[in-house]
C-alpha atoms as a PDB file:
ATOM      1  CA  MET A   1     -22.498 -13.779  12.995  1.00  0.00           C
ATOM      2  CA  GLU A   2     -21.298 -17.103  11.732  1.00  0.00           C
ATOM      3  CA  ASN A   3     -17.781 -18.198  12.563  1.00  0.00           C
ATOM      4  CA  PRO A   4     -15.777 -20.463  10.265  1.00  0.00           C
ATOM      5  CA  PRO A   5     -14.703 -23.966  11.240  1.00  0.00           C
ATOM      6  CA  ASP A   6     -11.391 -24.467  13.017  1.00  0.00           C
ATOM      7  CA  GLY A   7      -8.285 -24.698  10.859  1.00  0.00           C
ATOM      8  CA  PRO A   8      -5.444 -22.662   9.396  1.00  0.00           C
ATOM      9  CA  ALA A   9      -7.282 -21.836   6.152  1.00  0.00           C
ATOM     10  CA  TYR A  10     -10.124 -20.120   8.015  1.00  0.00           C
ATOM     11  CA  PHE A  11      -9.484 -16.546   9.114  1.00  0.00           C
ATOM     12  CA  ASN A  12     -10.863 -15.817  12.605  1.00  0.00           C
ATOM     13  CA  SER A  13     -11.266 -19.482  13.433  1.00  0.00           C
ATOM     14  CA  THR A  14     -10.228 -20.651  16.880  1.00  0.00           C
ATOM     15  CA  ARG A  15      -6.770 -21.462  15.504  1.00  0.00           C
ATOM     16  CA  THR A  16      -6.226 -18.102  13.754  1.00  0.00           C
ATOM     17  CA  ALA A  17      -8.243 -15.663  15.906  1.00  0.00           C
ATOM     18  CA  ASP A  18      -5.134 -13.993  17.332  1.00  0.00           C
ATOM     19  CA  MET A  19      -3.608 -13.367  13.893  1.00  0.00           C
ATOM     20  CA  THR A  20      -3.947 -10.362  11.638  1.00  0.00           C
ATOM     21  CA  GLN A  21      -4.810 -10.912   7.974  1.00  0.00           C
ATOM     22  CA  GLU A  22      -1.188 -10.128   7.143  1.00  0.00           C
ATOM     23  CA  GLN A  23       0.172 -12.701   9.596  1.00  0.00           C
ATOM     24  CA  LEU A  24      -2.174 -15.385   8.303  1.00  0.00           C
ATOM     25  CA  ALA A  25      -1.284 -14.589   4.683  1.00  0.00           C
ATOM     26  CA  PHE A  26       2.437 -15.011   5.421  1.00  0.00           C
ATOM     27  CA  TRP A  27       1.778 -18.124   7.511  1.00  0.00           C
ATOM     28  CA  LEU A  28      -0.098 -19.751   4.627  1.00  0.00           C
ATOM     29  CA  GLY A  29       2.538 -18.605   2.106  1.00  0.00           C
ATOM     30  CA  ASP A  30       4.915 -21.008   0.374  1.00  0.00           C
ATOM     31  CA  ASP A  31       7.780 -20.432   2.821  1.00  0.00           C
ATOM     32  CA  PRO A  32       7.089 -22.118   6.196  1.00  0.00           C
ATOM     33  CA  ARG A  33       9.423 -19.607   7.916  1.00  0.00           C
ATOM     34  CA  GLY A  34       6.886 -16.850   7.170  1.00  0.00           C
ATOM     35  CA  TYR A  35       8.765 -15.140   4.345  1.00  0.00           C
ATOM     36  CA  GLY A  36       6.589 -16.430   1.511  1.00  0.00           C
ATOM     37  CA  ASN A  37       4.345 -14.525  -0.848  1.00  0.00           C
ATOM     38  CA  PRO A  38       1.443 -13.168   1.246  1.00  0.00           C
ATOM     39  CA  ASP A  39      -0.795 -12.882  -1.831  1.00  0.00           C
ATOM     40  CA  ALA A  40      -0.385 -16.584  -2.482  1.00  0.00           C
ATOM     41  CA  GLY A  41      -1.033 -17.305   1.180  1.00  0.00           C
ATOM     42  CA  TRP A  42      -4.183 -15.171   1.300  1.00  0.00           C
ATOM     43  CA  HIS A  43      -5.544 -17.057  -1.736  1.00  0.00           C
ATOM     44  CA  ARG A  44      -5.393 -20.191   0.404  1.00  0.00           C
ATOM     45  CA  VAL A  45      -7.874 -18.768   2.896  1.00  0.00           C
ATOM     46  CA  VAL A  46     -11.085 -20.710   2.424  1.00  0.00           C
ATOM     47  CA  ALA A  47     -13.432 -18.596   4.540  1.00  0.00           C
ATOM     48  CA  THR A  48     -13.701 -16.076   7.315  1.00  0.00           C
ATOM     49  CA  ASN A  49     -16.479 -15.169   9.701  1.00  0.00           C
ATOM     50  CA  HIS A  50     -19.283 -13.154   8.236  1.00  0.00           C
ATOM     51  CA  VAL A  51     -22.289 -11.305   9.462  1.00  0.00           C
ATOM     52  CA  LEU A  52     -25.816 -12.115   8.376  1.00  0.00           C
ATOM     53  CA  ALA A  53     -28.106  -9.094   8.384  1.00  0.00           C
ATOM     54  CA  ASP A  54     -31.080  -7.814   6.456  1.00  0.00           C
ATOM     55  CA  PRO A  55     -30.986  -4.333   4.932  1.00  0.00           C
ATOM     56  CA  ILE A  56     -32.739  -1.716   7.039  1.00  0.00           C
ATOM     57  CA  ALA A  57     -36.314  -1.111   6.009  1.00  0.00           C
ATOM     58  CA  ASP A  58     -36.170   2.607   5.212  1.00  0.00           C
ATOM     59  CA  ALA A  59     -32.984   2.560   3.132  1.00  0.00           C
ATOM     60  CA  PRO A  60     -33.082   4.897   0.140  1.00  0.00           C
ATOM     61  CA  ARG A  61     -34.448   3.263  -2.996  1.00  0.00           C
ATOM     62  CA  GLY A  62     -31.808   1.225  -4.803  1.00  0.00           C
ATOM     63  CA  ARG A  63     -29.462   1.142  -1.792  1.00  0.00           C
ATOM     64  CA  ALA A  64     -28.807  -1.751   0.587  1.00  0.00           C
ATOM     65  CA  VAL A  65     -27.913  -0.239   3.977  1.00  0.00           C
ATOM     66  CA  PHE A  66     -26.819  -2.329   6.954  1.00  0.00           C
ATOM     67  CA  ALA A  67     -25.966  -1.333  10.523  1.00  0.00           C
ATOM     68  CA  LEU A  68     -24.355  -3.805  12.910  1.00  0.00           C
ATOM     69  CA  CYS A  69     -23.499  -3.765  16.588  1.00  0.00           C
ATOM     70  CA  TYR A  70     -20.763  -6.166  17.676  1.00  0.00           C
ATOM     71  CA  GLY A  71     -20.658  -7.657  21.138  1.00  0.00           C
ATOM     72  CA  PRO A  72     -21.178 -10.829  23.125  1.00  0.00           C
ATOM     73  CA  GLU A  73     -24.977 -10.528  23.094  1.00  0.00           C
ATOM     74  CA  PRO A  74     -27.219  -9.546  20.179  1.00  0.00           C
ATOM     75  CA  VAL A  75     -28.491  -5.998  20.576  1.00  0.00           C
ATOM     76  CA  ALA A  76     -31.588  -4.742  18.817  1.00  0.00           C
ATOM     77  CA  PHE A  77     -31.438  -1.036  18.041  1.00  0.00           C
ATOM     78  CA  GLU A  78     -33.284   1.432  15.882  1.00  0.00           C
ATOM     79  CA  VAL A  79     -31.601   2.530  12.697  1.00  0.00           C
ATOM     80  CA  SER A  80     -32.690   4.797   9.887  1.00  0.00           C
ATOM     81  CA  ALA A  81     -31.156   5.955   6.632  1.00  0.00           C
ATOM     82  CA  ASP A  82     -31.878   8.743   4.217  1.00  0.00           C
ATOM     83  CA  GLU A  83     -30.289   9.975   1.036  1.00  0.00           C
ATOM     84  CA  VAL A  84     -28.486  13.303   1.322  1.00  0.00           C
ATOM     85  CA  GLN A  85     -26.511  15.323  -1.198  1.00  0.00           C
ATOM     86  CA  ASP A  86     -23.181  13.720  -0.202  1.00  0.00           C
ATOM     87  CA  GLY A  87     -24.386  10.103   0.033  1.00  0.00           C
ATOM     88  CA  VAL A  88     -26.445   8.194   2.589  1.00  0.00           C
ATOM     89  CA  ARG A  89     -26.829   9.285   6.219  1.00  0.00           C
ATOM     90  CA  VAL A  90     -27.317   6.456   8.725  1.00  0.00           C
ATOM     91  CA  ARG A  91     -28.554   7.177  12.262  1.00  0.00           C
ATOM     92  CA  THR A  92     -28.557   4.881  15.287  1.00  0.00           C
ATOM     93  CA  PRO A  93     -28.643   5.547  19.037  1.00  0.00           C
ATOM     94  CA  PHE A  94     -24.889   4.813  19.095  1.00  0.00           C
ATOM     95  CA  PHE A  95     -23.552   6.676  16.050  1.00  0.00           C
ATOM     96  CA  ALA A  96     -24.422   8.648  12.968  1.00  0.00           C
ATOM     97  CA  ALA A  97     -22.582   8.041   9.708  1.00  0.00           C
ATOM     98  CA  LEU A  98     -22.301   9.576   6.290  1.00  0.00           C
ATOM     99  CA  VAL A  99     -21.489   6.975   3.661  1.00  0.00           C
ATOM    100  CA  GLY A 100     -20.325   8.737   0.522  1.00  0.00           C
ATOM    101  CA  HIS A 101     -20.844   7.847  -3.120  1.00  0.00           C
ATOM    102  CA  PRO A 102     -19.235   4.516  -4.147  1.00  0.00           C
ATOM    103  CA  ALA A 103     -17.004   6.380  -6.647  1.00  0.00           C
ATOM    104  CA  GLY A 104     -15.480   8.347  -3.772  1.00  0.00           C
ATOM    105  CA  ASP A 105     -14.725  12.036  -3.563  1.00  0.00           C
ATOM    106  CA  VAL A 106     -13.166  14.131  -6.335  1.00  0.00           C
ATOM    107  CA  GLY A 107      -9.858  12.338  -5.700  1.00  0.00           C
ATOM    108  CA  GLY A 108     -11.493   8.892  -5.761  1.00  0.00           C
ATOM    109  CA  GLU A 109     -11.104   8.421  -1.999  1.00  0.00           C
ATOM    110  CA  PRO A 110     -14.022   6.718  -0.218  1.00  0.00           C
ATOM    111  CA  VAL A 111     -15.972   8.922   2.171  1.00  0.00           C
ATOM    112  CA  LEU A 112     -17.094   7.634   5.551  1.00  0.00           C
ATOM    113  CA  ARG A 113     -17.713  10.047   8.392  1.00  0.00           C
ATOM    114  CA  ILE A 114     -18.727   8.732  11.817  1.00  0.00           C
ATOM    115  CA  ALA A 115     -20.034  11.019  14.574  1.00  0.00           C
ATOM    116  CA  ALA A 116     -21.772  10.795  17.906  1.00  0.00           C
ATOM    117  CA  PRO A 117     -25.554  10.840  17.510  1.00  0.00           C
END
């Protein structure tokens, strides 16, 4: 994981780590009292932390599948993925997930089901 530099325009920096995205958006809005336009404020965010990871090796063809474990120390763990009728099933020692089709279900809602392994 790479963290952004310190400063108010960097979400999850040392200065903004205790804020939600909503709080930061209002804080960076036009009104210094926090009543400004949060959309305008969010557009002032320069960067946030991001995770660098390679796709897992056995991902279904044409799919980029990633599995991450957050914590203070990097943890290597086995992960596999296979295509199933409802999407892509991802298995790890910590969880199993069904990631549905990008178009969502019949109502257009995204599908993500997490279960114990």
